[in-house]
């Protein structure tokens, strides 16, 4: 498997492996093993990680106004099931074409 990483990340990896006295490929595999062996992160931990990296933002005022109080996710899912037509995933796949 080959993983393309940005030059800045590769440089940090090279510096860290030099300090550890390990081969970058060996240490990279250890990191992947460690990440894969951990239990699934809690939703709170995921939210915190995304916020810390600037990947999660609060809803804007326009979206907040569109929220209908008292409507559950299950209600929305049921409504979507009753609508005619393809799902969003099916539409995306159709537009992309077969791989």
PDB file of N, CA and C in Angstrom:
ATOM      1  N   UNK A   1       0.855  -1.167   0.000  1.00  0.00           N
ATOM      2  CA  UNK A   1       0.000   0.000   0.000  1.00  0.00           C
ATOM      3  C   UNK A   1       0.904   1.233   0.000  1.00  0.00           C
ATOM      4  N   UNK A   2       0.504   2.229  -0.734  1.00  0.00           N
ATOM      5  CA  UNK A   2       1.227   3.489  -0.790  1.00  0.00           C
ATOM      6  C   UNK A   2       0.312   4.583  -0.278  1.00  0.00           C
ATOM      7  N   UNK A   3       0.856   5.437   0.585  1.00  0.00           N
ATOM      8  CA  UNK A   3       0.077   6.551   1.126  1.00  0.00           C
ATOM      9  C   UNK A   3       0.793   7.836   0.751  1.00  0.00           C
ATOM     10  N   UNK A   4       0.102   8.702   0.037  1.00  0.00           N
ATOM     11  CA  UNK A   4       0.658  10.012  -0.306  1.00  0.00           C
ATOM     12  C   UNK A   4       0.350  10.974   0.826  1.00  0.00           C
ATOM     13  N   UNK A   5       1.379  11.605   1.353  1.00  0.00           N
ATOM     14  CA  UNK A   5       1.186  12.588   2.418  1.00  0.00           C
ATOM     15  C   UNK A   5       1.799  13.912   1.988  1.00  0.00           C
ATOM     16  N   UNK A   6       1.262  15.005   2.509  1.00  0.00           N
ATOM     17  CA  UNK A   6       1.836  16.311   2.172  1.00  0.00           C
ATOM     18  C   UNK A   6       3.303  16.383   2.643  1.00  0.00           C
ATOM     19  N   UNK A   7       4.115  17.176   1.955  1.00  0.00           N
ATOM     20  CA  UNK A   7       5.537  17.280   2.308  1.00  0.00           C
ATOM     21  C   UNK A   7       5.784  17.633   3.780  1.00  0.00           C
ATOM     22  N   UNK A   8       4.926  18.486   4.349  1.00  0.00           N
ATOM     23  CA  UNK A   8       5.125  18.883   5.745  1.00  0.00           C
ATOM     24  C   UNK A   8       4.970  17.682   6.680  1.00  0.00           C
ATOM     25  N   UNK A   9       3.985  16.836   6.395  1.00  0.00           N
ATOM     26  CA  UNK A   9       3.746  15.653   7.210  1.00  0.00           C
ATOM     27  C   UNK A   9       4.900  14.667   7.041  1.00  0.00           C
ATOM     28  N   UNK A  10       5.350  14.502   5.808  1.00  0.00           N
ATOM     29  CA  UNK A  10       6.465  13.592   5.552  1.00  0.00           C
ATOM     30  C   UNK A  10       7.712  14.060   6.295  1.00  0.00           C
ATOM     31  N   UNK A  11       7.938  15.357   6.313  1.00  0.00           N
ATOM     32  CA  UNK A  11       9.109  15.902   7.007  1.00  0.00           C
ATOM     33  C   UNK A  11       9.022  15.618   8.506  1.00  0.00           C
ATOM     34  N   UNK A  12       7.832  15.795   9.093  1.00  0.00           N
ATOM     35  CA  UNK A  12       7.643  15.498  10.513  1.00  0.00           C
ATOM     36  C   UNK A  12       7.871  14.014  10.785  1.00  0.00           C
ATOM     37  N   UNK A  13       7.380  13.172   9.884  1.00  0.00           N
ATOM     38  CA  UNK A  13       7.571  11.727  10.016  1.00  0.00           C
ATOM     39  C   UNK A  13       9.057  11.383   9.976  1.00  0.00           C
ATOM     40  N   UNK A  14       9.778  11.968   9.037  1.00  0.00           N
ATOM     41  CA  UNK A  14      11.211  11.706   8.912  1.00  0.00           C
ATOM     42  C   UNK A  14      11.965  12.152  10.159  1.00  0.00           C
ATOM     43  N   UNK A  15      11.631  13.326  10.677  1.00  0.00           N
ATOM     44  CA  UNK A  15      12.293  13.829  11.879  1.00  0.00           C
ATOM     45  C   UNK A  15      12.008  12.939  13.093  1.00  0.00           C
ATOM     46  N   UNK A  16      10.747  12.536  13.229  1.00  0.00           N
ATOM     47  CA  UNK A  16      10.352  11.704  14.371  1.00  0.00           C
ATOM     48  C   UNK A  16      11.026  10.337  14.308  1.00  0.00           C
ATOM     49  N   UNK A  17      11.036   9.720  13.122  1.00  0.00           N
ATOM     50  CA  UNK A  17      11.642   8.395  13.008  1.00  0.00           C
ATOM     51  C   UNK A  17      13.148   8.461  13.239  1.00  0.00           C
ATOM     52  N   UNK A  18      13.776   9.566  12.855  1.00  0.00           N
ATOM     53  CA  UNK A  18      15.200   9.739  13.111  1.00  0.00           C
ATOM     54  C   UNK A  18      15.461   9.780  14.611  1.00  0.00           C
ATOM     55  N   UNK A  19      14.617  10.536  15.331  1.00  0.00           N
ATOM     56  CA  UNK A  19      14.753  10.615  16.799  1.00  0.00           C
ATOM     57  C   UNK A  19      14.517   9.260  17.456  1.00  0.00           C
ATOM     58  N   UNK A  20      13.557   8.507  16.919  1.00  0.00           N
ATOM     59  CA  UNK A  20      13.232   7.202  17.495  1.00  0.00           C
ATOM     60  C   UNK A  20      14.212   6.115  17.061  1.00  0.00           C
ATOM     61  N   UNK A  21      14.980   6.395  16.015  1.00  0.00           N
ATOM     62  CA  UNK A  21      15.898   5.396  15.495  1.00  0.00           C
ATOM     63  C   UNK A  21      15.176   4.274  14.767  1.00  0.00           C
ATOM     64  N   UNK A  22      14.035   4.603  14.164  1.00  0.00           N
ATOM     65  CA  UNK A  22      13.243   3.603  13.452  1.00  0.00           C
ATOM     66  C   UNK A  22      13.127   3.980  11.985  1.00  0.00           C
ATOM     67  N   UNK A  23      12.865   2.974  11.182  1.00  0.00           N
ATOM     68  CA  UNK A  23      12.572   3.186   9.772  1.00  0.00           C
ATOM     69  C   UNK A  23      11.183   3.826   9.664  1.00  0.00           C
ATOM     70  N   UNK A  24      11.014   4.800   8.783  1.00  0.00           N
ATOM     71  CA  UNK A  24       9.729   5.494   8.671  1.00  0.00           C
ATOM     72  C   UNK A  24       8.600   4.548   8.278  1.00  0.00           C
ATOM     73  N   UNK A  25       8.897   3.556   7.439  1.00  0.00           N
ATOM     74  CA  UNK A  25       7.866   2.609   7.026  1.00  0.00           C
ATOM     75  C   UNK A  25       7.437   1.739   8.207  1.00  0.00           C
ATOM     76  N   UNK A  26       8.403   1.315   9.011  1.00  0.00           N
ATOM     77  CA  UNK A  26       8.091   0.488  10.183  1.00  0.00           C
ATOM     78  C   UNK A  26       7.258   1.286  11.181  1.00  0.00           C
ATOM     79  N   UNK A  27       7.688   2.516  11.444  1.00  0.00           N
ATOM     80  CA  UNK A  27       6.968   3.324  12.423  1.00  0.00           C
ATOM     81  C   UNK A  27       5.582   3.701  11.907  1.00  0.00           C
ATOM     82  N   UNK A  28       5.471   3.960  10.608  1.00  0.00           N
ATOM     83  CA  UNK A  28       4.166   4.257  10.020  1.00  0.00           C
ATOM     84  C   UNK A  28       3.212   3.081  10.183  1.00  0.00           C
ATOM     85  N   UNK A  29       3.714   1.870   9.959  1.00  0.00           N
ATOM     86  CA  UNK A  29       2.881   0.679  10.152  1.00  0.00           C
ATOM     87  C   UNK A  29       2.467   0.530  11.608  1.00  0.00           C
ATOM     88  N   UNK A  30       3.385   0.827  12.533  1.00  0.00           N
ATOM     89  CA  UNK A  30       3.047   0.767  13.955  1.00  0.00           C
ATOM     90  C   UNK A  30       1.939   1.760  14.299  1.00  0.00           C
ATOM     91  N   UNK A  31       2.024   2.948  13.724  1.00  0.00           N
ATOM     92  CA  UNK A  31       0.984   3.951  13.963  1.00  0.00           C
ATOM     93  C   UNK A  31      -0.362   3.476  13.435  1.00  0.00           C
ATOM     94  N   UNK A  32      -0.370   2.906  12.231  1.00  0.00           N
ATOM     95  CA  UNK A  32      -1.618   2.397  11.661  1.00  0.00           C
ATOM     96  C   UNK A  32      -2.185   1.260  12.503  1.00  0.00           C
ATOM     97  N   UNK A  33      -1.317   0.337  12.937  1.00  0.00           N
ATOM     98  CA  UNK A  33      -1.773  -0.756  13.784  1.00  0.00           C
ATOM     99  C   UNK A  33      -2.391  -0.232  15.064  1.00  0.00           C
ATOM    100  N   UNK A  34      -1.732   0.735  15.659  1.00  0.00           N
ATOM    101  CA  UNK A  34      -2.224   1.321  16.905  1.00  0.00           C
ATOM    102  C   UNK A  34      -3.578   1.982  16.702  1.00  0.00           C
ATOM    103  N   UNK A  35      -3.710   2.726  15.621  1.00  0.00           N
ATOM    104  CA  UNK A  35      -4.975   3.412  15.342  1.00  0.00           C
ATOM    105  C   UNK A  35      -6.092   2.414  15.075  1.00  0.00           C
ATOM    106  N   UNK A  36      -5.779   1.338  14.364  1.00  0.00           N
ATOM    107  CA  UNK A  36      -6.796   0.347  14.029  1.00  0.00           C
ATOM    108  C   UNK A  36      -7.188  -0.528  15.213  1.00  0.00           C
ATOM    109  N   UNK A  37      -6.297  -0.665  16.170  1.00  0.00           N
ATOM    110  CA  UNK A  37      -6.604  -1.529  17.308  1.00  0.00           C
ATOM    111  C   UNK A  37      -7.388  -0.806  18.398  1.00  0.00           C
ATOM    112  N   UNK A  38      -7.399   0.509  18.362  1.00  0.00           N
ATOM    113  CA  UNK A  38      -8.163   1.270  19.354  1.00  0.00           C
ATOM    114  C   UNK A  38      -9.648   1.062  19.148  1.00  0.00           C
ATOM    115  N   UNK A  39     -10.379   1.207  20.246  1.00  0.00           N
ATOM    116  CA  UNK A  39     -11.834   1.140  20.135  1.00  0.00           C
ATOM    117  C   UNK A  39     -12.321   2.344  19.346  1.00  0.00           C
ATOM    118  N   UNK A  40     -13.488   2.218  18.803  1.00  0.00           N
ATOM    119  CA  UNK A  40     -14.082   3.317  18.049  1.00  0.00           C
ATOM    120  C   UNK A  40     -14.221   4.530  18.964  1.00  0.00           C
ATOM    121  N   UNK A  41     -13.822   5.670  18.469  1.00  0.00           N
ATOM    122  CA  UNK A  41     -13.890   6.885  19.261  1.00  0.00           C
ATOM    123  C   UNK A  41     -15.337   7.285  19.511  1.00  0.00           C
ATOM    124  N   UNK A  42     -15.557   7.891  20.647  1.00  0.00           N
ATOM    125  CA  UNK A  42     -16.896   8.368  20.981  1.00  0.00           C
ATOM    126  C   UNK A  42     -17.256   9.543  20.077  1.00  0.00           C
ATOM    127  N   UNK A  43     -18.545   9.777  19.885  1.00  0.00           N
ATOM    128  CA  UNK A  43     -18.937  10.936  19.074  1.00  0.00           C
ATOM    129  C   UNK A  43     -18.360  12.248  19.616  1.00  0.00           C
ATOM    130  N   UNK A  44     -18.260  12.344  20.926  1.00  0.00           N
ATOM    131  CA  UNK A  44     -17.705  13.561  21.532  1.00  0.00           C
ATOM    132  C   UNK A  44     -16.232  13.734  21.164  1.00  0.00           C
ATOM    133  N   UNK A  45     -15.476  12.623  21.198  1.00  0.00           N
ATOM    134  CA  UNK A  45     -14.053  12.694  20.856  1.00  0.00           C
ATOM    135  C   UNK A  45     -13.865  13.062  19.389  1.00  0.00           C
ATOM    136  N   UNK A  46     -14.701  12.512  18.538  1.00  0.00           N
ATOM    137  CA  UNK A  46     -14.631  12.834  17.109  1.00  0.00           C
ATOM    138  C   UNK A  46     -14.949  14.307  16.894  1.00  0.00           C
ATOM    139  N   UNK A  47     -16.005  14.779  17.551  1.00  0.00           N
ATOM    140  CA  UNK A  47     -16.388  16.194  17.431  1.00  0.00           C
ATOM    141  C   UNK A  47     -15.241  17.102  17.885  1.00  0.00           C
ATOM    142  N   UNK A  48     -14.630  16.782  19.029  1.00  0.00           N
ATOM    143  CA  UNK A  48     -13.522  17.595  19.542  1.00  0.00           C
ATOM    144  C   UNK A  48     -12.339  17.598  18.581  1.00  0.00           C
ATOM    145  N   UNK A  49     -12.019  16.429  18.024  1.00  0.00           N
ATOM    146  CA  UNK A  49     -10.900  16.342  17.080  1.00  0.00           C
ATOM    147  C   UNK A  49     -11.173  17.167  15.826  1.00  0.00           C
ATOM    148  N   UNK A  50     -12.396  17.077  15.307  1.00  0.00           N
ATOM    149  CA  UNK A  50     -12.753  17.856  14.119  1.00  0.00           C
ATOM    150  C   UNK A  50     -12.728  19.353  14.407  1.00  0.00           C
ATOM    151  N   UNK A  51     -13.246  19.752  15.560  1.00  0.00           N
ATOM    152  CA  UNK A  51     -13.236  21.169  15.922  1.00  0.00           C
ATOM    153  C   UNK A  51     -11.810  21.681  16.085  1.00  0.00           C
ATOM    154  N   UNK A  52     -10.948  20.881  16.712  1.00  0.00           N
ATOM    155  CA  UNK A  52      -9.561  21.288  16.921  1.00  0.00           C
ATOM    156  C   UNK A  52      -8.826  21.505  15.607  1.00  0.00           C
ATOM    157  N   UNK A  53      -9.233  20.788  14.575  1.00  0.00           N
ATOM    158  CA  UNK A  53      -8.585  20.911  13.263  1.00  0.00           C
ATOM    159  C   UNK A  53      -9.313  21.880  12.334  1.00  0.00           C
ATOM    160  N   UNK A  54     -10.323  22.562  12.862  1.00  0.00           N
ATOM    161  CA  UNK A  54     -11.057  23.531  12.057  1.00  0.00           C
ATOM    162  C   UNK A  54     -11.945  22.898  11.009  1.00  0.00           C
ATOM    163  N   UNK A  55     -12.330  21.633  11.201  1.00  0.00           N
ATOM    164  CA  UNK A  55     -13.139  20.907  10.226  1.00  0.00           C
ATOM    165  C   UNK A  55     -14.619  20.867  10.591  1.00  0.00           C
ATOM    166  N   UNK A  56     -14.971  21.452  11.717  1.00  0.00           N
ATOM    167  CA  UNK A  56     -16.354  21.432  12.171  1.00  0.00           C
ATOM    168  C   UNK A  56     -16.714  22.825  12.645  1.00  0.00           C
ATOM    169  N   UNK A  57     -17.827  23.309  12.157  1.00  0.00           N
ATOM    170  CA  UNK A  57     -18.267  24.647  12.544  1.00  0.00           C
ATOM    171  C   UNK A  57     -19.695  24.586  13.040  1.00  0.00           C
ATOM    172  N   UNK A  58     -20.070  25.590  13.808  1.00  0.00           N
ATOM    173  CA  UNK A  58     -21.449  25.681  14.269  1.00  0.00           C
ATOM    174  C   UNK A  58     -22.351  26.022  13.099  1.00  0.00           C
ATOM    175  N   UNK A  59     -23.626  25.677  13.234  1.00  0.00           N
ATOM    176  CA  UNK A  59     -24.585  26.024  12.187  1.00  0.00           C
ATOM    177  C   UNK A  59     -24.711  27.529  12.062  1.00  0.00           C
ATOM    178  N   UNK A  60     -24.833  27.973  10.840  1.00  0.00           N
ATOM    179  CA  UNK A  60     -25.069  29.382  10.611  1.00  0.00           C
ATOM    180  C   UNK A  60     -26.518  29.737  10.934  1.00  0.00           C
ATOM    181  N   UNK A  61     -26.789  31.000  11.011  1.00  0.00           N
ATOM    182  CA  UNK A  61     -28.140  31.464  11.368  1.00  0.00           C
ATOM    183  C   UNK A  61     -29.195  30.980  10.378  1.00  0.00           C
ATOM    184  N   UNK A  62     -28.860  30.977   9.093  1.00  0.00           N
ATOM    185  CA  UNK A  62     -29.817  30.526   8.074  1.00  0.00           C
ATOM    186  C   UNK A  62     -30.242  29.077   8.311  1.00  0.00           C
ATOM    187  N   UNK A  63     -29.269  28.188   8.589  1.00  0.00           N
ATOM    188  CA  UNK A  63     -29.610  26.797   8.848  1.00  0.00           C
ATOM    189  C   UNK A  63     -30.357  26.634  10.172  1.00  0.00           C
ATOM    190  N   UNK A  64     -29.989  27.410  11.167  1.00  0.00           N
ATOM    191  CA  UNK A  64     -30.697  27.340  12.456  1.00  0.00           C
ATOM    192  C   UNK A  64     -32.175  27.686  12.289  1.00  0.00           C
ATOM    193  N   UNK A  65     -32.474  28.640  11.416  1.00  0.00           N
ATOM    194  CA  UNK A  65     -33.875  29.028  11.196  1.00  0.00           C
ATOM    195  C   UNK A  65     -34.664  27.907  10.520  1.00  0.00           C
ATOM    196  N   UNK A  66     -33.987  27.046   9.784  1.00  0.00           N
ATOM    197  CA  UNK A  66     -34.671  25.970   9.069  1.00  0.00           C
ATOM    198  C   UNK A  66     -34.981  24.755   9.950  1.00  0.00           C
ATOM    199  N   UNK A  67     -34.417  24.702  11.132  1.00  0.00           N
ATOM    200  CA  UNK A  67     -34.664  23.568  12.019  1.00  0.00           C
ATOM    201  C   UNK A  67     -36.107  23.602  12.499  1.00  0.00           C
ATOM    202  N   UNK A  68     -36.761  22.462  12.393  1.00  0.00           N
ATOM    203  CA  UNK A  68     -38.145  22.346  12.854  1.00  0.00           C
ATOM    204  C   UNK A  68     -38.117  21.683  14.222  1.00  0.00           C
ATOM    205  N   UNK A  69     -38.461  22.424  15.276  1.00  0.00           N
ATOM    206  CA  UNK A  69     -38.411  21.848  16.619  1.00  0.00           C
ATOM    207  C   UNK A  69     -39.287  20.608  16.737  1.00  0.00           C
ATOM    208  N   UNK A  70     -38.800  19.605  17.431  1.00  0.00           N
ATOM    209  CA  UNK A  70     -39.573  18.403  17.685  1.00  0.00           C
ATOM    210  C   UNK A  70     -39.494  17.332  16.613  1.00  0.00           C
ATOM    211  N   UNK A  71     -38.821  17.613  15.503  1.00  0.00           N
ATOM    212  CA  UNK A  71     -38.703  16.612  14.446  1.00  0.00           C
ATOM    213  C   UNK A  71     -37.449  15.789  14.711  1.00  0.00           C
ATOM    214  N   UNK A  72     -37.632  14.490  14.848  1.00  0.00           N
ATOM    215  CA  UNK A  72     -36.501  13.612  15.153  1.00  0.00           C
ATOM    216  C   UNK A  72     -35.828  13.129  13.871  1.00  0.00           C
ATOM    217  N   UNK A  73     -34.639  12.603  14.044  1.00  0.00           N
ATOM    218  CA  UNK A  73     -33.917  12.033  12.916  1.00  0.00           C
ATOM    219  C   UNK A  73     -34.700  10.863  12.328  1.00  0.00           C
ATOM    220  N   UNK A  74     -35.316  10.070  13.196  1.00  0.00           N
ATOM    221  CA  UNK A  74     -36.105   8.937  12.724  1.00  0.00           C
ATOM    222  C   UNK A  74     -37.284   9.401  11.860  1.00  0.00           C
ATOM    223  N   UNK A  75     -37.920  10.488  12.244  1.00  0.00           N
ATOM    224  CA  UNK A  75     -39.030  11.037  11.458  1.00  0.00           C
ATOM    225  C   UNK A  75     -38.543  11.450  10.075  1.00  0.00           C
ATOM    226  N   UNK A  76     -37.391  12.087  10.031  1.00  0.00           N
ATOM    227  CA  UNK A  76     -36.816  12.511   8.750  1.00  0.00           C
ATOM    228  C   UNK A  76     -36.496  11.294   7.892  1.00  0.00           C
ATOM    229  N   UNK A  77     -35.897  10.277   8.498  1.00  0.00           N
ATOM    230  CA  UNK A  77     -35.569   9.067   7.743  1.00  0.00           C
ATOM    231  C   UNK A  77     -36.819   8.407   7.167  1.00  0.00           C
ATOM    232  N   UNK A  78     -37.864   8.336   7.966  1.00  0.00           N
ATOM    233  CA  UNK A  78     -39.112   7.735   7.485  1.00  0.00           C
ATOM    234  C   UNK A  78     -39.695   8.545   6.327  1.00  0.00           C
ATOM    235  N   UNK A  79     -39.648   9.861   6.431  1.00  0.00           N
ATOM    236  CA  UNK A  79     -40.160  10.714   5.358  1.00  0.00           C
ATOM    237  C   UNK A  79     -39.381  10.511   4.076  1.00  0.00           C
ATOM    238  N   UNK A  80     -38.054  10.396   4.207  1.00  0.00           N
ATOM    239  CA  UNK A  80     -37.219  10.197   3.029  1.00  0.00           C
ATOM    240  C   UNK A  80     -37.485   8.845   2.377  1.00  0.00           C
ATOM    241  N   UNK A  81     -37.764   7.827   3.181  1.00  0.00           N
ATOM    242  CA  UNK A  81     -38.077   6.501   2.635  1.00  0.00           C
ATOM    243  C   UNK A  81     -39.359   6.518   1.813  1.00  0.00           C
ATOM    244  N   UNK A  82     -40.293   7.388   2.186  1.00  0.00           N
ATOM    245  CA  UNK A  82     -41.588   7.425   1.513  1.00  0.00           C
ATOM    246  C   UNK A  82     -41.567   8.240   0.228  1.00  0.00           C
ATOM    247  N   UNK A  83     -40.522   8.995   0.016  1.00  0.00           N
ATOM    248  CA  UNK A  83     -40.452   9.803  -1.201  1.00  0.00           C
ATOM    249  C   UNK A  83     -40.100   8.938  -2.388  1.00  0.00           C
ATOM    250  N   UNK A  84     -40.544   9.347  -3.544  1.00  0.00           N
ATOM    251  CA  UNK A  84     -40.251   8.592  -4.763  1.00  0.00           C
ATOM    252  C   UNK A  84     -38.902   9.027  -5.309  1.00  0.00           C
ATOM    253  N   UNK A  85     -38.282   8.150  -6.040  1.00  0.00           N
ATOM    254  CA  UNK A  85     -37.033   8.504  -6.701  1.00  0.00           C
ATOM    255  C   UNK A  85     -35.823   7.887  -6.028  1.00  0.00           C
ATOM    256  N   UNK A  86     -34.695   8.118  -6.646  1.00  0.00           N
ATOM    257  CA  UNK A  86     -33.440   7.540  -6.181  1.00  0.00           C
ATOM    258  C   UNK A  86     -32.922   8.278  -4.957  1.00  0.00           C
ATOM    259  N   UNK A  87     -32.129   7.572  -4.165  1.00  0.00           N
ATOM    260  CA  UNK A  87     -31.485   8.207  -3.020  1.00  0.00           C
ATOM    261  C   UNK A  87     -30.342   9.081  -3.516  1.00  0.00           C
ATOM    262  N   UNK A  88     -29.846   9.944  -2.664  1.00  0.00           N
ATOM    263  CA  UNK A  88     -28.729  10.810  -3.035  1.00  0.00           C
ATOM    264  C   UNK A  88     -27.522   9.974  -3.438  1.00  0.00           C
ATOM    265  N   UNK A  89     -27.254   8.898  -2.708  1.00  0.00           N
ATOM    266  CA  UNK A  89     -26.126   8.021  -3.052  1.00  0.00           C
ATOM    267  C   UNK A  89     -26.296   7.435  -4.447  1.00  0.00           C
ATOM    268  N   UNK A  90     -27.500   7.010  -4.769  1.00  0.00           N
ATOM    269  CA  UNK A  90     -27.749   6.440  -6.093  1.00  0.00           C
ATOM    270  C   UNK A  90     -27.573   7.490  -7.192  1.00  0.00           C
ATOM    271  N   UNK A  91     -27.996   8.693  -6.926  1.00  0.00           N
ATOM    272  CA  UNK A  91     -27.847   9.784  -7.903  1.00  0.00           C
ATOM    273  C   UNK A  91     -26.372  10.072  -8.148  1.00  0.00           C
ATOM    274  N   UNK A  92     -25.585  10.136  -7.076  1.00  0.00           N
ATOM    275  CA  UNK A  92     -24.142  10.405  -7.197  1.00  0.00           C
ATOM    276  C   UNK A  92     -23.472   9.307  -8.000  1.00  0.00           C
ATOM    277  N   UNK A  93     -23.775   8.047  -7.685  1.00  0.00           N
ATOM    278  CA  UNK A  93     -23.182   6.917  -8.415  1.00  0.00           C
ATOM    279  C   UNK A  93     -23.565   6.982  -9.886  1.00  0.00           C
ATOM    280  N   UNK A  94     -24.821   7.286 -10.178  1.00  0.00           N
ATOM    281  CA  UNK A  94     -25.277   7.367 -11.562  1.00  0.00           C
ATOM    282  C   UNK A  94     -24.544   8.476 -12.327  1.00  0.00           C
ATOM    283  N   UNK A  95     -24.319   9.605 -11.659  1.00  0.00           N
ATOM    284  CA  UNK A  95     -23.648  10.720 -12.326  1.00  0.00           C
ATOM    285  C   UNK A  95     -22.159  10.439 -12.538  1.00  0.00           C
ATOM    286  N   UNK A  96     -21.564   9.704 -11.616  1.00  0.00           N
ATOM    287  CA  UNK A  96     -20.141   9.388 -11.754  1.00  0.00           C
ATOM    288  C   UNK A  96     -19.914   8.320 -12.809  1.00  0.00           C
ATOM    289  N   UNK A  97     -20.879   7.446 -12.962  1.00  0.00           N
ATOM    290  CA  UNK A  97     -20.704   6.323 -13.872  1.00  0.00           C
ATOM    291  C   UNK A  97     -20.041   5.163 -13.161  1.00  0.00           C
ATOM    292  N   UNK A  98     -20.059   4.031 -13.788  1.00  0.00           N
ATOM    293  CA  UNK A  98     -19.453   2.819 -13.208  1.00  0.00           C
ATOM    294  C   UNK A  98     -17.937   2.966 -13.204  1.00  0.00           C
ATOM    295  N   UNK A  99     -17.278   2.501 -12.119  1.00  0.00           N
ATOM    296  CA  UNK A  99     -15.789   2.580 -12.069  1.00  0.00           C
ATOM    297  C   UNK A  99     -15.139   1.629 -13.038  1.00  0.00           C
TER     298      UNK A  99
END
